C-alpha atoms as a PDB file:
ATOM      1  CA  UNK A   1     -15.388 -49.213  -5.787  1.00  0.00           C
ATOM      2  CA  UNK A   2     -16.256 -45.580  -5.329  1.00  0.00           C
ATOM      3  CA  UNK A   3     -18.986 -44.594  -7.871  1.00  0.00           C
ATOM      4  CA  UNK A   4     -20.359 -47.964  -8.462  1.00  0.00           C
ATOM      5  CA  UNK A   5     -23.203 -49.520  -6.608  1.00  0.00           C
ATOM      6  CA  UNK A   6     -24.612 -53.184  -6.937  1.00  0.00           C
ATOM      7  CA  UNK A   7     -28.108 -54.434  -6.378  1.00  0.00           C
ATOM      8  CA  UNK A   8     -29.659 -57.817  -5.943  1.00  0.00           C
ATOM      9  CA  UNK A   9     -33.495 -57.822  -6.143  1.00  0.00           C
ATOM     10  CA  UNK A  10     -36.189 -60.473  -6.067  1.00  0.00           C
ATOM     11  CA  UNK A  11     -39.126 -58.834  -7.684  1.00  0.00           C
ATOM     12  CA  UNK A  12     -41.665 -61.688  -7.913  1.00  0.00           C
ATOM     13  CA  UNK A  13     -43.954 -62.671  -5.184  1.00  0.00           C
ATOM     14  CA  UNK A  14     -42.417 -66.157  -4.935  1.00  0.00           C
ATOM     15  CA  UNK A  15     -39.011 -64.611  -4.219  1.00  0.00           C
ATOM     16  CA  UNK A  16     -37.424 -66.946  -6.799  1.00  0.00           C
ATOM     17  CA  UNK A  17     -36.450 -64.718  -9.634  1.00  0.00           C
ATOM     18  CA  UNK A  18     -33.315 -62.707  -9.143  1.00  0.00           C
ATOM     19  CA  UNK A  19     -32.453 -59.505 -10.796  1.00  0.00           C
ATOM     20  CA  UNK A  20     -28.903 -57.983 -10.529  1.00  0.00           C
ATOM     21  CA  UNK A  21     -27.819 -54.663 -11.493  1.00  0.00           C
ATOM     22  CA  UNK A  22     -24.853 -52.087 -11.360  1.00  0.00           C
ATOM     23  CA  UNK A  23     -25.181 -48.402 -11.196  1.00  0.00           C
ATOM     24  CA  UNK A  24     -22.207 -46.360 -12.228  1.00  0.00           C
ATOM     25  CA  UNK A  25     -21.210 -42.706 -11.870  1.00  0.00           C
ATOM     26  CA  UNK A  26     -20.126 -41.733 -15.468  1.00  0.00           C
ATOM     27  CA  UNK A  27     -17.552 -39.279 -14.088  1.00  0.00           C
ATOM     28  CA  UNK A  28     -15.576 -42.389 -13.006  1.00  0.00           C
ATOM     29  CA  UNK A  29     -16.644 -44.993 -15.534  1.00  0.00           C
ATOM     30  CA  UNK A  30     -17.558 -45.234 -19.166  1.00  0.00           C
ATOM     31  CA  UNK A  31     -19.376 -47.615 -21.501  1.00  0.00           C
ATOM     32  CA  UNK A  32     -17.454 -49.484 -24.142  1.00  0.00           C
ATOM     33  CA  UNK A  33     -19.147 -51.425 -26.987  1.00  0.00           C
ATOM     34  CA  UNK A  34     -17.267 -54.667 -27.914  1.00  0.00           C
ATOM     35  CA  UNK A  35     -18.119 -56.458 -31.224  1.00  0.00           C
ATOM     36  CA  UNK A  36     -17.087 -60.098 -31.572  1.00  0.00           C
ATOM     37  CA  UNK A  37     -15.666 -61.258 -34.821  1.00  0.00           C
ATOM     38  CA  UNK A  38     -16.499 -64.676 -36.444  1.00  0.00           C
ATOM     39  CA  UNK A  39     -19.634 -66.716 -35.947  1.00  0.00           C
ATOM     40  CA  UNK A  40     -21.736 -68.287 -33.244  1.00  0.00           C
ATOM     41  CA  UNK A  41     -19.763 -70.787 -31.288  1.00  0.00           C
ATOM     42  CA  UNK A  42     -16.608 -68.573 -31.490  1.00  0.00           C
ATOM     43  CA  UNK A  43     -17.947 -65.607 -29.562  1.00  0.00           C
ATOM     44  CA  UNK A  44     -16.724 -64.896 -26.002  1.00  0.00           C
ATOM     45  CA  UNK A  45     -19.028 -64.505 -23.004  1.00  0.00           C
ATOM     46  CA  UNK A  46     -19.483 -61.508 -20.854  1.00  0.00           C
ATOM     47  CA  UNK A  47     -17.064 -62.981 -18.221  1.00  0.00           C
ATOM     48  CA  UNK A  48     -14.277 -63.639 -20.698  1.00  0.00           C
ATOM     49  CA  UNK A  49     -14.550 -59.947 -22.005  1.00  0.00           C
ATOM     50  CA  UNK A  50     -14.704 -58.545 -18.540  1.00  0.00           C
ATOM     51  CA  UNK A  51     -11.573 -60.354 -17.569  1.00  0.00           C
ATOM     52  CA  UNK A  52      -9.718 -59.170 -20.686  1.00  0.00           C
ATOM     53  CA  UNK A  53     -10.637 -55.561 -20.516  1.00  0.00           C
ATOM     54  CA  UNK A  54     -10.361 -55.200 -16.626  1.00  0.00           C
ATOM     55  CA  UNK A  55     -14.021 -54.179 -16.608  1.00  0.00           C
ATOM     56  CA  UNK A  56     -16.236 -53.555 -13.747  1.00  0.00           C
ATOM     57  CA  UNK A  57     -19.400 -55.079 -15.477  1.00  0.00           C
ATOM     58  CA  UNK A  58     -20.296 -56.505 -18.736  1.00  0.00           C
ATOM     59  CA  UNK A  59     -23.810 -57.103 -20.208  1.00  0.00           C
ATOM     60  CA  UNK A  60     -24.952 -58.516 -23.589  1.00  0.00           C
ATOM     61  CA  UNK A  61     -25.903 -56.124 -26.433  1.00  0.00           C
ATOM     62  CA  UNK A  62     -28.752 -56.218 -28.984  1.00  0.00           C
ATOM     63  CA  UNK A  63     -30.279 -58.688 -31.429  1.00  0.00           C
ATOM     64  CA  UNK A  64     -28.654 -60.559 -34.188  1.00  0.00           C
ATOM     65  CA  UNK A  65     -30.144 -62.189 -37.379  1.00  0.00           C
ATOM     66  CA  UNK A  66     -29.904 -65.916 -38.344  1.00  0.00           C
ATOM     67  CA  UNK A  67     -26.711 -65.016 -40.267  1.00  0.00           C
ATOM     68  CA  UNK A  68     -25.099 -63.949 -36.841  1.00  0.00           C
ATOM     69  CA  UNK A  69     -25.180 -60.261 -38.008  1.00  0.00           C
ATOM     70  CA  UNK A  70     -25.960 -57.679 -35.290  1.00  0.00           C
ATOM     71  CA  UNK A  71     -29.167 -55.569 -35.822  1.00  0.00           C
ATOM     72  CA  UNK A  72     -29.214 -52.001 -35.037  1.00  0.00           C
ATOM     73  CA  UNK A  73     -26.711 -49.181 -34.692  1.00  0.00           C
ATOM     74  CA  UNK A  74     -23.366 -50.068 -33.352  1.00  0.00           C
ATOM     75  CA  UNK A  75     -20.473 -47.656 -32.657  1.00  0.00           C
ATOM     76  CA  UNK A  76     -17.172 -48.726 -30.913  1.00  0.00           C
ATOM     77  CA  UNK A  77     -14.412 -46.253 -30.360  1.00  0.00           C
ATOM     78  CA  UNK A  78     -15.858 -43.908 -32.774  1.00  0.00           C
ATOM     79  CA  UNK A  79     -16.204 -46.433 -35.639  1.00  0.00           C
ATOM     80  CA  UNK A  80     -19.607 -47.179 -37.020  1.00  0.00           C
ATOM     81  CA  UNK A  81     -19.747 -50.863 -37.209  1.00  0.00           C
ATOM     82  CA  UNK A  82     -23.397 -51.344 -37.961  1.00  0.00           C
ATOM     83  CA  UNK A  83     -25.602 -48.585 -39.373  1.00  0.00           C
ATOM     84  CA  UNK A  84     -28.785 -47.093 -37.837  1.00  0.00           C
ATOM     85  CA  UNK A  85     -31.779 -49.285 -38.228  1.00  0.00           C
ATOM     86  CA  UNK A  86     -35.083 -47.716 -39.322  1.00  0.00           C
ATOM     87  CA  UNK A  87     -37.244 -49.101 -36.623  1.00  0.00           C
ATOM     88  CA  UNK A  88     -38.674 -47.775 -33.284  1.00  0.00           C
ATOM     89  CA  UNK A  89     -35.794 -48.944 -31.077  1.00  0.00           C
ATOM     90  CA  UNK A  90     -34.243 -46.233 -29.042  1.00  0.00           C
ATOM     91  CA  UNK A  91     -30.478 -45.646 -29.239  1.00  0.00           C
ATOM     92  CA  UNK A  92     -27.945 -45.528 -26.329  1.00  0.00           C
ATOM     93  CA  UNK A  93     -25.001 -43.142 -27.069  1.00  0.00           C
ATOM     94  CA  UNK A  94     -21.805 -42.090 -25.413  1.00  0.00           C
ATOM     95  CA  UNK A  95     -20.867 -38.780 -26.885  1.00  0.00           C
ATOM     96  CA  UNK A  96     -18.532 -36.187 -25.525  1.00  0.00           C
ATOM     97  CA  UNK A  97     -18.324 -37.915 -22.098  1.00  0.00           C
ATOM     98  CA  UNK A  98     -22.095 -37.981 -21.683  1.00  0.00           C
ATOM     99  CA  UNK A  99     -24.693 -40.907 -21.941  1.00  0.00           C
ATOM    100  CA  UNK A 100     -28.248 -40.634 -23.321  1.00  0.00           C
ATOM    101  CA  UNK A 101     -30.846 -42.816 -24.421  1.00  0.00           C
ATOM    102  CA  UNK A 102     -32.862 -41.291 -27.181  1.00  0.00           C
ATOM    103  CA  UNK A 103     -35.536 -42.113 -29.624  1.00  0.00           C
ATOM    104  CA  UNK A 104     -34.251 -43.033 -33.092  1.00  0.00           C
ATOM    105  CA  UNK A 105     -35.896 -40.083 -34.586  1.00  0.00           C
ATOM    106  CA  UNK A 106     -34.123 -37.876 -32.041  1.00  0.00           C
ATOM    107  CA  UNK A 107     -30.758 -39.331 -32.643  1.00  0.00           C
ATOM    108  CA  UNK A 108     -28.431 -36.632 -34.031  1.00  0.00           C
ATOM    109  CA  UNK A 109     -26.233 -38.795 -36.306  1.00  0.00           C
ATOM    110  CA  UNK A 110     -22.948 -40.695 -35.548  1.00  0.00           C
ATOM    111  CA  UNK A 111     -20.625 -37.654 -35.907  1.00  0.00           C
ATOM    112  CA  UNK A 112     -18.836 -37.235 -32.485  1.00  0.00           C
ATOM    113  CA  UNK A 113     -20.365 -40.474 -31.193  1.00  0.00           C
ATOM    114  CA  UNK A 114     -17.806 -42.616 -29.326  1.00  0.00           C
ATOM    115  CA  UNK A 115     -19.949 -45.616 -28.508  1.00  0.00           C
ATOM    116  CA  UNK A 116     -23.536 -46.556 -29.356  1.00  0.00           C
ATOM    117  CA  UNK A 117     -26.054 -49.321 -29.370  1.00  0.00           C
ATOM    118  CA  UNK A 118     -29.488 -49.540 -30.790  1.00  0.00           C
ATOM    119  CA  UNK A 119     -32.079 -52.084 -29.345  1.00  0.00           C
ATOM    120  CA  UNK A 120     -35.602 -52.152 -27.972  1.00  0.00           C
ATOM    121  CA  UNK A 121     -38.318 -51.680 -27.098  1.00  0.00           C
ATOM    122  CA  UNK A 122     -38.339 -48.768 -24.750  1.00  0.00           C
ATOM    123  CA  UNK A 123     -39.054 -49.989 -21.183  1.00  0.00           C
ATOM    124  CA  UNK A 124     -38.989 -46.743 -19.362  1.00  0.00           C
ATOM    125  CA  UNK A 125     -39.657 -43.156 -20.527  1.00  0.00           C
ATOM    126  CA  UNK A 126     -40.012 -40.169 -18.408  1.00  0.00           C
ATOM    127  CA  UNK A 127     -39.449 -42.230 -15.143  1.00  0.00           C
ATOM    128  CA  UNK A 128     -42.454 -44.341 -15.953  1.00  0.00           C
ATOM    129  CA  UNK A 129     -42.713 -47.996 -17.185  1.00  0.00           C
ATOM    130  CA  UNK A 130     -43.901 -48.095 -20.819  1.00  0.00           C
ATOM    131  CA  UNK A 131     -47.630 -49.016 -20.640  1.00  0.00           C
ATOM    132  CA  UNK A 132     -47.928 -50.364 -24.165  1.00  0.00           C
ATOM    133  CA  UNK A 133     -45.668 -53.351 -23.919  1.00  0.00           C
ATOM    134  CA  UNK A 134     -46.867 -56.524 -25.526  1.00  0.00           C
ATOM    135  CA  UNK A 135     -47.741 -59.443 -23.432  1.00  0.00           C
ATOM    136  CA  UNK A 136     -44.869 -61.858 -22.960  1.00  0.00           C
ATOM    137  CA  UNK A 137     -43.846 -64.998 -21.105  1.00  0.00           C
ATOM    138  CA  UNK A 138     -41.362 -64.844 -18.256  1.00  0.00           C
ATOM    139  CA  UNK A 139     -37.803 -64.941 -19.807  1.00  0.00           C
ATOM    140  CA  UNK A 140     -34.296 -64.104 -18.815  1.00  0.00           C
ATOM    141  CA  UNK A 141     -34.096 -60.268 -19.504  1.00  0.00           C
ATOM    142  CA  UNK A 142     -31.307 -57.553 -19.824  1.00  0.00           C
ATOM    143  CA  UNK A 143     -31.486 -53.735 -20.045  1.00  0.00           C
ATOM    144  CA  UNK A 144     -29.702 -50.422 -20.026  1.00  0.00           C
ATOM    145  CA  UNK A 145     -30.999 -47.500 -18.122  1.00  0.00           C
ATOM    146  CA  UNK A 146     -30.166 -44.052 -16.889  1.00  0.00           C
ATOM    147  CA  UNK A 147     -31.428 -42.447 -13.646  1.00  0.00           C
ATOM    148  CA  UNK A 148     -32.289 -38.911 -12.783  1.00  0.00           C
ATOM    149  CA  UNK A 149     -28.541 -38.228 -11.976  1.00  0.00           C
ATOM    150  CA  UNK A 150     -27.499 -39.748 -15.403  1.00  0.00           C
ATOM    151  CA  UNK A 151     -25.911 -42.726 -13.747  1.00  0.00           C
ATOM    152  CA  UNK A 152     -25.732 -45.743 -15.995  1.00  0.00           C
ATOM    153  CA  UNK A 153     -27.645 -48.783 -14.873  1.00  0.00           C
ATOM    154  CA  UNK A 154     -26.965 -52.285 -16.291  1.00  0.00           C
ATOM    155  CA  UNK A 155     -29.606 -54.869 -15.215  1.00  0.00           C
ATOM    156  CA  UNK A 156     -30.269 -58.549 -15.875  1.00  0.00           C
ATOM    157  CA  UNK A 157     -32.072 -61.469 -14.447  1.00  0.00           C
ATOM    158  CA  UNK A 158     -29.644 -64.088 -13.138  1.00  0.00           C
ATOM    159  CA  UNK A 159     -32.199 -66.501 -11.858  1.00  0.00           C
ATOM    160  CA  UNK A 160     -35.682 -67.217 -13.361  1.00  0.00           C
ATOM    161  CA  UNK A 161     -37.289 -64.814 -15.713  1.00  0.00           C
ATOM    162  CA  UNK A 162     -39.723 -61.806 -15.790  1.00  0.00           C
ATOM    163  CA  UNK A 163     -42.394 -60.640 -18.268  1.00  0.00           C
ATOM    164  CA  UNK A 164     -41.474 -57.566 -20.127  1.00  0.00           C
ATOM    165  CA  UNK A 165     -43.966 -55.442 -18.253  1.00  0.00           C
ATOM    166  CA  UNK A 166     -42.681 -56.747 -14.980  1.00  0.00           C
ATOM    167  CA  UNK A 167     -39.121 -55.999 -16.002  1.00  0.00           C
ATOM    168  CA  UNK A 168     -40.098 -52.476 -16.943  1.00  0.00           C
ATOM    169  CA  UNK A 169     -41.765 -51.760 -13.591  1.00  0.00           C
ATOM    170  CA  UNK A 170     -38.789 -52.887 -11.469  1.00  0.00           C
ATOM    171  CA  UNK A 171     -36.488 -50.858 -13.687  1.00  0.00           C
ATOM    172  CA  UNK A 172     -38.780 -47.731 -13.222  1.00  0.00           C
ATOM    173  CA  UNK A 173     -39.681 -48.198  -9.532  1.00  0.00           C
ATOM    174  CA  UNK A 174     -37.764 -46.009  -7.040  1.00  0.00           C
ATOM    175  CA  UNK A 175     -35.012 -47.669  -5.060  1.00  0.00           C
ATOM    176  CA  UNK A 176     -36.885 -47.262  -1.890  1.00  0.00           C
ATOM    177  CA  UNK A 177     -39.803 -49.255  -3.446  1.00  0.00           C
ATOM    178  CA  UNK A 178     -37.701 -52.180  -4.482  1.00  0.00           C
ATOM    179  CA  UNK A 179     -36.768 -50.945  -7.944  1.00  0.00           C
ATOM    180  CA  UNK A 180     -33.842 -49.296  -9.794  1.00  0.00           C
ATOM    181  CA  UNK A 181     -34.931 -45.774 -10.325  1.00  0.00           C
ATOM    182  CA  UNK A 182     -34.516 -45.424 -14.115  1.00  0.00           C
ATOM    183  CA  UNK A 183     -35.793 -42.457 -15.877  1.00  0.00           C
ATOM    184  CA  UNK A 184     -35.100 -44.082 -19.203  1.00  0.00           C
ATOM    185  CA  UNK A 185     -34.343 -47.627 -20.025  1.00  0.00           C
ATOM    186  CA  UNK A 186     -34.226 -49.868 -23.173  1.00  0.00           C
ATOM    187  CA  UNK A 187     -34.425 -53.541 -23.598  1.00  0.00           C
ATOM    188  CA  UNK A 188     -31.415 -55.643 -24.635  1.00  0.00           C
ATOM    189  CA  UNK A 189     -31.534 -59.093 -26.158  1.00  0.00           C
ATOM    190  CA  UNK A 190     -32.803 -61.660 -23.652  1.00  0.00           C
ATOM    191  CA  UNK A 191     -33.571 -65.265 -23.423  1.00  0.00           C
ATOM    192  CA  UNK A 192     -30.477 -67.482 -24.085  1.00  0.00           C
ATOM    193  CA  UNK A 193     -28.632 -64.425 -25.069  1.00  0.00           C
ATOM    194  CA  UNK A 194     -28.751 -62.911 -21.483  1.00  0.00           C
ATOM    195  CA  UNK A 195     -25.252 -62.310 -20.236  1.00  0.00           C
ATOM    196  CA  UNK A 196     -24.247 -60.389 -17.028  1.00  0.00           C
ATOM    197  CA  UNK A 197     -20.849 -60.278 -15.361  1.00  0.00           C
ATOM    198  CA  UNK A 198     -19.363 -58.218 -12.678  1.00  0.00           C
ATOM    199  CA  UNK A 199     -15.870 -57.911 -11.187  1.00  0.00           C
ATOM    200  CA  UNK A 200     -17.360 -58.710  -7.805  1.00  0.00           C
ATOM    201  CA  UNK A 201     -18.311 -62.193  -8.767  1.00  0.00           C
ATOM    202  CA  UNK A 202     -21.520 -62.324 -10.737  1.00  0.00           C
ATOM    203  CA  UNK A 203     -21.072 -64.479 -13.877  1.00  0.00           C
ATOM    204  CA  UNK A 204     -24.299 -65.318 -15.610  1.00  0.00           C
ATOM    205  CA  UNK A 205     -24.335 -66.541 -19.200  1.00  0.00           C
ATOM    206  CA  UNK A 206     -25.587 -69.342 -21.414  1.00  0.00           C
ATOM    207  CA  UNK A 207     -23.057 -71.754 -22.914  1.00  0.00           C
ATOM    208  CA  UNK A 208     -22.373 -69.670 -25.791  1.00  0.00           C
ATOM    209  CA  UNK A 209     -21.281 -65.957 -26.151  1.00  0.00           C
ATOM    210  CA  UNK A 210     -23.143 -63.324 -28.091  1.00  0.00           C
ATOM    211  CA  UNK A 211     -21.776 -60.942 -30.950  1.00  0.00           C
ATOM    212  CA  UNK A 212     -22.095 -57.762 -28.940  1.00  0.00           C
ATOM    213  CA  UNK A 213     -21.438 -56.736 -25.330  1.00  0.00           C
ATOM    214  CA  UNK A 214     -21.481 -53.426 -23.518  1.00  0.00           C
ATOM    215  CA  UNK A 215     -18.640 -53.201 -20.852  1.00  0.00           C
ATOM    216  CA  UNK A 216     -18.232 -50.628 -18.007  1.00  0.00           C
ATOM    217  CA  UNK A 217     -14.565 -49.717 -17.608  1.00  0.00           C
ATOM    218  CA  UNK A 218     -12.766 -46.979 -15.584  1.00  0.00           C
ATOM    219  CA  UNK A 219     -12.509 -43.579 -17.467  1.00  0.00           C
ATOM    220  CA  UNK A 220      -8.984 -43.028 -18.772  1.00  0.00           C
END
């Protein structure tokens, strides 16, 4: 569709790990936070939500605690579902038809915010991969980013896994260098929570759904 680009990257030297992404023009599309009711085992997958909403893409959201409660700010359709969490995680917000990823300390409050999701850590700031990321084992990964033209990027591994620093690098690297060109990007929940679905045919998810997704839908 016009204003929507899809990417399939193989960022590791062995060529096995696969990273898929969509890049959306936010003049044509908008994010929508979807919170699931109930407990683990009843939550829908990204593909089920995408089919219901007529979405172009759906990715999993942030972390949740052992009681299945989402962690970090959640706003959906202007309603604050979970309050801002006092940690260093950044906030993705959709406010007045504009998307931003901001530090928690720069977040201006929920008044006027239509959609928001808080998770972390930061992966890309100022167009560069964050250098202070902790060492990590290769895992399935998911992220939200914005490029220099404020296009929204949803990215996830759909085969294999990446270390956090490797993930940050491919998000930040320019398109012509095999990356996704993010200026800012934030980590989402990963591992068995990783979910990524597109209307064009990608449908990656573990057996169970997760409590929060971010969907990309046409602007009304």
